[in-house]
Amino acid sequence: DLPEHQRGDAVSSMVYEANARVRDPVYGCVGAISSLQQQIDVLQTQLAVAQAEAVHLRVRQTASSFWNSAGHSPTSPTYSGSPSSKINESQAKHIFDMDMVVDQDGYGGDSMW
């Protein structure tokens, strides 16, 4: 009942599904789709971790550039400025620290990297 221009795609789909059923008699193509979705989830988690690390490094670089351009160490006793500019390195690290916890048990215990 399909239009002629869609019949080739329908046949290809049926062949794919039949081959998937031969490879995995229980789940068929649903098993393949599920596996691909898990891979997507792992890769999205890896991407989020990498993006967070990039932001963390940019913040550290920006903070380092700020302190170096001021000509003072952030913990220097001679440094003076507004109260908000008197944040020392350990406080800045705490403020900008972006630790991400990833539950690797959900990924078969394999390392994400």
N, C-alpha and C. Protein backbone atom coordinates (compact mmCIF):
# COMPACT_ATOMS: atom_id res chain seq x y z
N ASP A 1 0.81 -1.21 0.00
CA ASP A 1 0.00 0.00 0.00
C ASP A 1 0.86 1.28 0.00
N LEU A 2 2.16 1.13 -0.09
CA LEU A 2 3.03 2.31 -0.09
C LEU A 2 3.15 2.89 -1.48
N PRO A 3 3.37 4.20 -1.55
CA PRO A 3 3.68 4.79 -2.85
C PRO A 3 4.97 4.19 -3.39
N GLU A 4 5.10 4.15 -4.66
CA GLU A 4 6.24 3.48 -5.29
C GLU A 4 7.59 4.06 -4.85
N HIS A 5 7.68 5.36 -4.64
CA HIS A 5 8.95 5.99 -4.26
C HIS A 5 9.39 5.65 -2.84
N GLN A 6 8.51 5.08 -2.00
CA GLN A 6 8.86 4.70 -0.63
C GLN A 6 9.10 3.20 -0.48
N ARG A 7 8.85 2.42 -1.48
CA ARG A 7 8.95 0.97 -1.38
C ARG A 7 10.39 0.50 -1.16
N GLY A 8 11.35 1.13 -1.80
CA GLY A 8 12.75 0.76 -1.61
C GLY A 8 13.19 0.93 -0.16
N ASP A 9 12.80 2.06 0.44
CA ASP A 9 13.12 2.31 1.85
C ASP A 9 12.44 1.28 2.75
N ALA A 10 11.21 0.92 2.43
CA ALA A 10 10.48 -0.06 3.24
C ALA A 10 11.17 -1.42 3.18
N VAL A 11 11.62 -1.83 1.99
CA VAL A 11 12.32 -3.11 1.84
C VAL A 11 13.64 -3.07 2.62
N SER A 12 14.38 -1.98 2.51
CA SER A 12 15.65 -1.85 3.25
C SER A 12 15.41 -1.95 4.75
N SER A 13 14.36 -1.33 5.23
CA SER A 13 14.03 -1.38 6.64
C SER A 13 13.69 -2.80 7.08
N MET A 14 12.92 -3.51 6.28
CA MET A 14 12.55 -4.89 6.62
C MET A 14 13.78 -5.80 6.63
N VAL A 15 14.70 -5.60 5.67
CA VAL A 15 15.93 -6.39 5.63
C VAL A 15 16.78 -6.10 6.86
N TYR A 16 16.90 -4.83 7.24
CA TYR A 16 17.66 -4.46 8.44
C TYR A 16 17.06 -5.12 9.68
N GLU A 17 15.75 -5.01 9.82
CA GLU A 17 15.08 -5.60 10.98
C GLU A 17 15.25 -7.12 11.00
N ALA A 18 15.17 -7.77 9.84
CA ALA A 18 15.33 -9.23 9.78
C ALA A 18 16.76 -9.63 10.18
N ASN A 19 17.74 -8.89 9.68
CA ASN A 19 19.14 -9.18 10.04
C ASN A 19 19.39 -8.94 11.53
N ALA A 20 18.80 -7.89 12.07
CA ALA A 20 18.94 -7.62 13.51
C ALA A 20 18.30 -8.74 14.32
N ARG A 21 17.19 -9.29 13.87
CA ARG A 21 16.52 -10.39 14.56
C ARG A 21 17.37 -11.66 14.51
N VAL A 22 18.09 -11.86 13.39
CA VAL A 22 18.99 -13.02 13.29
C VAL A 22 20.14 -12.88 14.28
N ARG A 23 20.72 -11.68 14.38
CA ARG A 23 21.82 -11.43 15.31
C ARG A 23 21.37 -11.50 16.75
N ASP A 24 20.18 -11.01 17.05
CA ASP A 24 19.65 -10.96 18.42
C ASP A 24 18.18 -11.37 18.37
N PRO A 25 17.93 -12.69 18.51
CA PRO A 25 16.56 -13.19 18.36
C PRO A 25 15.57 -12.63 19.39
N VAL A 26 16.05 -12.21 20.53
CA VAL A 26 15.13 -11.72 21.56
C VAL A 26 14.76 -10.26 21.33
N TYR A 27 15.76 -9.41 21.16
CA TYR A 27 15.50 -7.97 21.08
C TYR A 27 15.51 -7.41 19.66
N GLY A 28 16.19 -8.06 18.75
CA GLY A 28 16.22 -7.59 17.37
C GLY A 28 16.78 -6.19 17.25
N CYS A 29 16.15 -5.36 16.43
CA CYS A 29 16.66 -4.00 16.21
C CYS A 29 16.49 -3.11 17.44
N VAL A 30 15.56 -3.48 18.33
CA VAL A 30 15.38 -2.71 19.57
C VAL A 30 16.65 -2.82 20.42
N GLY A 31 17.28 -3.99 20.43
CA GLY A 31 18.54 -4.16 21.15
C GLY A 31 19.64 -3.28 20.57
N ALA A 32 19.69 -3.20 19.25
CA ALA A 32 20.70 -2.35 18.59
C ALA A 32 20.44 -0.88 18.92
N ILE A 33 19.18 -0.47 18.88
CA ILE A 33 18.83 0.92 19.20
C ILE A 33 19.18 1.24 20.65
N SER A 34 18.88 0.31 21.54
CA SER A 34 19.19 0.49 22.97
C SER A 34 20.70 0.64 23.18
N SER A 35 21.47 -0.19 22.50
CA SER A 35 22.93 -0.12 22.62
C SER A 35 23.44 1.23 22.12
N LEU A 36 22.91 1.68 21.00
CA LEU A 36 23.33 2.98 20.47
C LEU A 36 22.94 4.13 21.41
N GLN A 37 21.77 4.02 22.05
CA GLN A 37 21.33 5.05 22.99
C GLN A 37 22.27 5.10 24.21
N GLN A 38 22.70 3.93 24.67
CA GLN A 38 23.66 3.90 25.79
C GLN A 38 24.98 4.55 25.39
N GLN A 39 25.43 4.29 24.16
CA GLN A 39 26.65 4.93 23.69
C GLN A 39 26.49 6.45 23.63
N ILE A 40 25.35 6.91 23.18
CA ILE A 40 25.07 8.35 23.15
C ILE A 40 25.12 8.93 24.55
N ASP A 41 24.51 8.25 25.52
CA ASP A 41 24.50 8.73 26.90
C ASP A 41 25.92 8.85 27.45
N VAL A 42 26.76 7.84 27.20
CA VAL A 42 28.15 7.86 27.66
C VAL A 42 28.90 9.02 27.01
N LEU A 43 28.72 9.18 25.70
CA LEU A 43 29.42 10.26 25.00
C LEU A 43 28.95 11.64 25.44
N GLN A 44 27.66 11.79 25.74
CA GLN A 44 27.16 13.07 26.24
C GLN A 44 27.75 13.38 27.61
N THR A 45 27.90 12.35 28.44
CA THR A 45 28.53 12.54 29.76
C THR A 45 29.98 12.95 29.60
N GLN A 46 30.70 12.27 28.70
CA GLN A 46 32.09 12.63 28.44
C GLN A 46 32.21 14.06 27.93
N LEU A 47 31.30 14.46 27.06
CA LEU A 47 31.31 15.81 26.53
C LEU A 47 31.07 16.83 27.64
N ALA A 48 30.12 16.54 28.52
CA ALA A 48 29.83 17.46 29.63
C ALA A 48 31.04 17.59 30.55
N VAL A 49 31.72 16.49 30.82
CA VAL A 49 32.92 16.53 31.67
C VAL A 49 34.01 17.36 30.99
N ALA A 50 34.22 17.14 29.70
CA ALA A 50 35.24 17.89 28.97
C ALA A 50 34.91 19.38 28.92
N GLN A 51 33.63 19.72 28.73
CA GLN A 51 33.23 21.14 28.71
C GLN A 51 33.44 21.77 30.08
N ALA A 52 33.12 21.05 31.14
CA ALA A 52 33.32 21.58 32.49
C ALA A 52 34.80 21.79 32.76
N GLU A 53 35.63 20.86 32.32
CA GLU A 53 37.08 21.02 32.50
C GLU A 53 37.58 22.23 31.73
N ALA A 54 37.07 22.45 30.52
CA ALA A 54 37.49 23.60 29.73
C ALA A 54 37.10 24.91 30.42
N VAL A 55 35.90 24.97 30.95
CA VAL A 55 35.46 26.16 31.68
C VAL A 55 36.35 26.37 32.91
N HIS A 56 36.61 25.29 33.63
CA HIS A 56 37.45 25.38 34.83
C HIS A 56 38.83 25.92 34.48
N LEU A 57 39.42 25.42 33.39
CA LEU A 57 40.75 25.89 32.98
C LEU A 57 40.71 27.35 32.54
N ARG A 58 39.64 27.76 31.84
CA ARG A 58 39.52 29.16 31.43
C ARG A 58 39.41 30.08 32.64
N VAL A 59 38.65 29.66 33.63
CA VAL A 59 38.49 30.47 34.84
C VAL A 59 39.82 30.58 35.57
N ARG A 60 40.54 29.48 35.68
CA ARG A 60 41.85 29.53 36.35
C ARG A 60 42.81 30.42 35.58
N GLN A 61 42.80 30.33 34.24
CA GLN A 61 43.68 31.15 33.42
C GLN A 61 43.33 32.63 33.57
N THR A 62 42.04 32.93 33.57
CA THR A 62 41.59 34.32 33.72
C THR A 62 41.99 34.85 35.10
N ALA A 63 41.79 34.06 36.13
CA ALA A 63 42.16 34.48 37.49
C ALA A 63 43.66 34.69 37.58
N SER A 64 44.44 33.80 36.98
CA SER A 64 45.90 33.92 37.00
C SER A 64 46.34 35.18 36.27
N SER A 65 45.73 35.46 35.12
CA SER A 65 46.06 36.66 34.37
C SER A 65 45.73 37.91 35.16
N PHE A 66 44.59 37.88 35.85
CA PHE A 66 44.18 39.03 36.66
C PHE A 66 45.20 39.32 37.75
N TRP A 67 45.59 38.28 38.48
CA TRP A 67 46.52 38.49 39.59
C TRP A 67 47.89 38.92 39.08
N ASN A 68 48.34 38.34 37.96
CA ASN A 68 49.64 38.71 37.41
C ASN A 68 49.64 40.13 36.87
N SER A 69 48.55 40.57 36.24
CA SER A 69 48.49 41.93 35.69
C SER A 69 48.39 42.98 36.79
N ALA A 70 47.89 42.58 37.95
CA ALA A 70 47.80 43.52 39.07
C ALA A 70 49.16 43.74 39.72
N GLY A 71 50.09 42.84 39.42
CA GLY A 71 51.43 42.99 39.98
C GLY A 71 51.54 42.53 41.41
N HIS A 72 50.53 41.87 41.91
CA HIS A 72 50.53 41.39 43.29
C HIS A 72 50.07 39.95 43.32
N SER A 73 50.53 39.26 44.30
CA SER A 73 50.01 37.92 44.56
C SER A 73 48.66 38.08 45.22
N PRO A 74 47.71 37.22 44.97
CA PRO A 74 46.40 37.36 45.59
C PRO A 74 46.45 37.22 47.11
N THR A 75 47.52 36.63 47.62
CA THR A 75 47.64 36.49 49.08
C THR A 75 48.65 37.46 49.66
N SER A 76 49.13 38.39 48.84
CA SER A 76 50.13 39.35 49.30
C SER A 76 49.55 40.25 50.38
N PRO A 77 50.26 40.44 51.50
CA PRO A 77 49.75 41.31 52.56
C PRO A 77 49.69 42.77 52.15
N THR A 78 50.45 43.15 51.09
CA THR A 78 50.44 44.55 50.67
C THR A 78 49.34 44.82 49.67
N TYR A 79 48.66 43.78 49.21
CA TYR A 79 47.61 43.97 48.21
C TYR A 79 46.44 44.69 48.85
N SER A 80 45.97 45.73 48.19
CA SER A 80 44.80 46.43 48.69
C SER A 80 43.83 46.63 47.55
N GLY A 81 42.59 46.73 47.88
CA GLY A 81 41.57 46.91 46.86
C GLY A 81 40.21 46.74 47.51
N SER A 82 39.20 46.53 46.70
CA SER A 82 37.87 46.36 47.25
C SER A 82 37.80 45.05 48.02
N PRO A 83 36.87 44.92 48.96
CA PRO A 83 36.76 43.68 49.73
C PRO A 83 36.59 42.46 48.83
N SER A 84 35.87 42.61 47.73
CA SER A 84 35.66 41.44 46.87
C SER A 84 36.94 41.06 46.13
N SER A 85 37.89 41.98 46.01
CA SER A 85 39.13 41.66 45.31
C SER A 85 40.16 41.03 46.25
N LYS A 86 39.83 40.88 47.53
CA LYS A 86 40.76 40.31 48.48
C LYS A 86 40.56 38.81 48.66
N ILE A 87 39.98 38.16 47.68
CA ILE A 87 39.79 36.71 47.73
C ILE A 87 41.15 36.07 47.47
N ASN A 88 41.54 35.17 48.38
CA ASN A 88 42.83 34.51 48.16
C ASN A 88 42.66 33.31 47.24
N GLU A 89 43.79 32.69 46.86
CA GLU A 89 43.75 31.62 45.87
C GLU A 89 42.89 30.44 46.31
N SER A 90 42.99 30.05 47.58
CA SER A 90 42.21 28.89 48.03
C SER A 90 40.72 29.20 47.98
N GLN A 91 40.33 30.43 48.30
CA GLN A 91 38.92 30.79 48.21
C GLN A 91 38.47 30.82 46.76
N ALA A 92 39.30 31.35 45.87
CA ALA A 92 38.94 31.40 44.45
C ALA A 92 38.81 29.99 43.89
N LYS A 93 39.74 29.12 44.29
CA LYS A 93 39.66 27.74 43.81
C LYS A 93 38.37 27.11 44.28
N HIS A 94 37.98 27.35 45.52
CA HIS A 94 36.75 26.78 46.05
C HIS A 94 35.53 27.33 45.31
N ILE A 95 35.55 28.61 45.01
CA ILE A 95 34.42 29.23 44.33
C ILE A 95 34.26 28.68 42.92
N PHE A 96 35.38 28.50 42.21
CA PHE A 96 35.31 28.13 40.81
C PHE A 96 35.54 26.64 40.56
N ASP A 97 35.71 25.85 41.61
CA ASP A 97 35.94 24.42 41.45
C ASP A 97 34.70 23.75 40.91
N MET A 98 34.84 22.99 39.83
CA MET A 98 33.69 22.34 39.19
C MET A 98 33.91 20.85 39.12
N ASP A 99 33.91 20.20 40.26
CA ASP A 99 34.08 18.75 40.26
C ASP A 99 32.78 18.11 39.81
N MET A 100 32.91 17.13 38.91
CA MET A 100 31.75 16.39 38.45
C MET A 100 31.93 14.95 38.86
N VAL A 101 30.90 14.38 39.42
CA VAL A 101 30.93 12.98 39.81
C VAL A 101 30.13 12.22 38.77
N VAL A 102 30.75 11.20 38.21
CA VAL A 102 30.10 10.38 37.20
C VAL A 102 29.98 8.97 37.75
N ASP A 103 28.77 8.44 37.77
CA ASP A 103 28.53 7.08 38.23
C ASP A 103 28.91 6.13 37.11
N GLN A 104 30.11 5.55 37.22
CA GLN A 104 30.58 4.66 36.16
C GLN A 104 29.98 3.26 36.29
N ASP A 105 29.34 2.93 37.41
CA ASP A 105 28.71 1.62 37.55
C ASP A 105 27.61 1.45 36.52
N GLY A 106 26.96 2.54 36.16
CA GLY A 106 25.92 2.48 35.17
C GLY A 106 26.43 2.21 33.77
N TYR A 107 27.77 2.22 33.61
CA TYR A 107 28.36 2.01 32.30
C TYR A 107 29.18 0.72 32.27
N GLY A 108 28.77 -0.25 33.07
CA GLY A 108 29.45 -1.54 33.06
C GLY A 108 30.79 -1.51 33.77
N GLY A 109 31.09 -0.47 34.54
CA GLY A 109 32.33 -0.39 35.28
C GLY A 109 33.53 -0.04 34.41
N ASP A 110 33.34 0.08 33.11
CA ASP A 110 34.45 0.42 32.22
C ASP A 110 34.78 1.89 32.37
N SER A 111 36.04 2.18 32.17
CA SER A 111 36.47 3.58 32.21
C SER A 111 35.82 4.32 31.06
N MET A 112 35.37 5.56 31.32
CA MET A 112 34.75 6.36 30.27
C MET A 112 35.79 6.82 29.27
N TRP A 113 37.07 6.84 29.60
CA TRP A 113 38.10 7.34 28.72
C TRP A 113 38.76 6.18 28.08
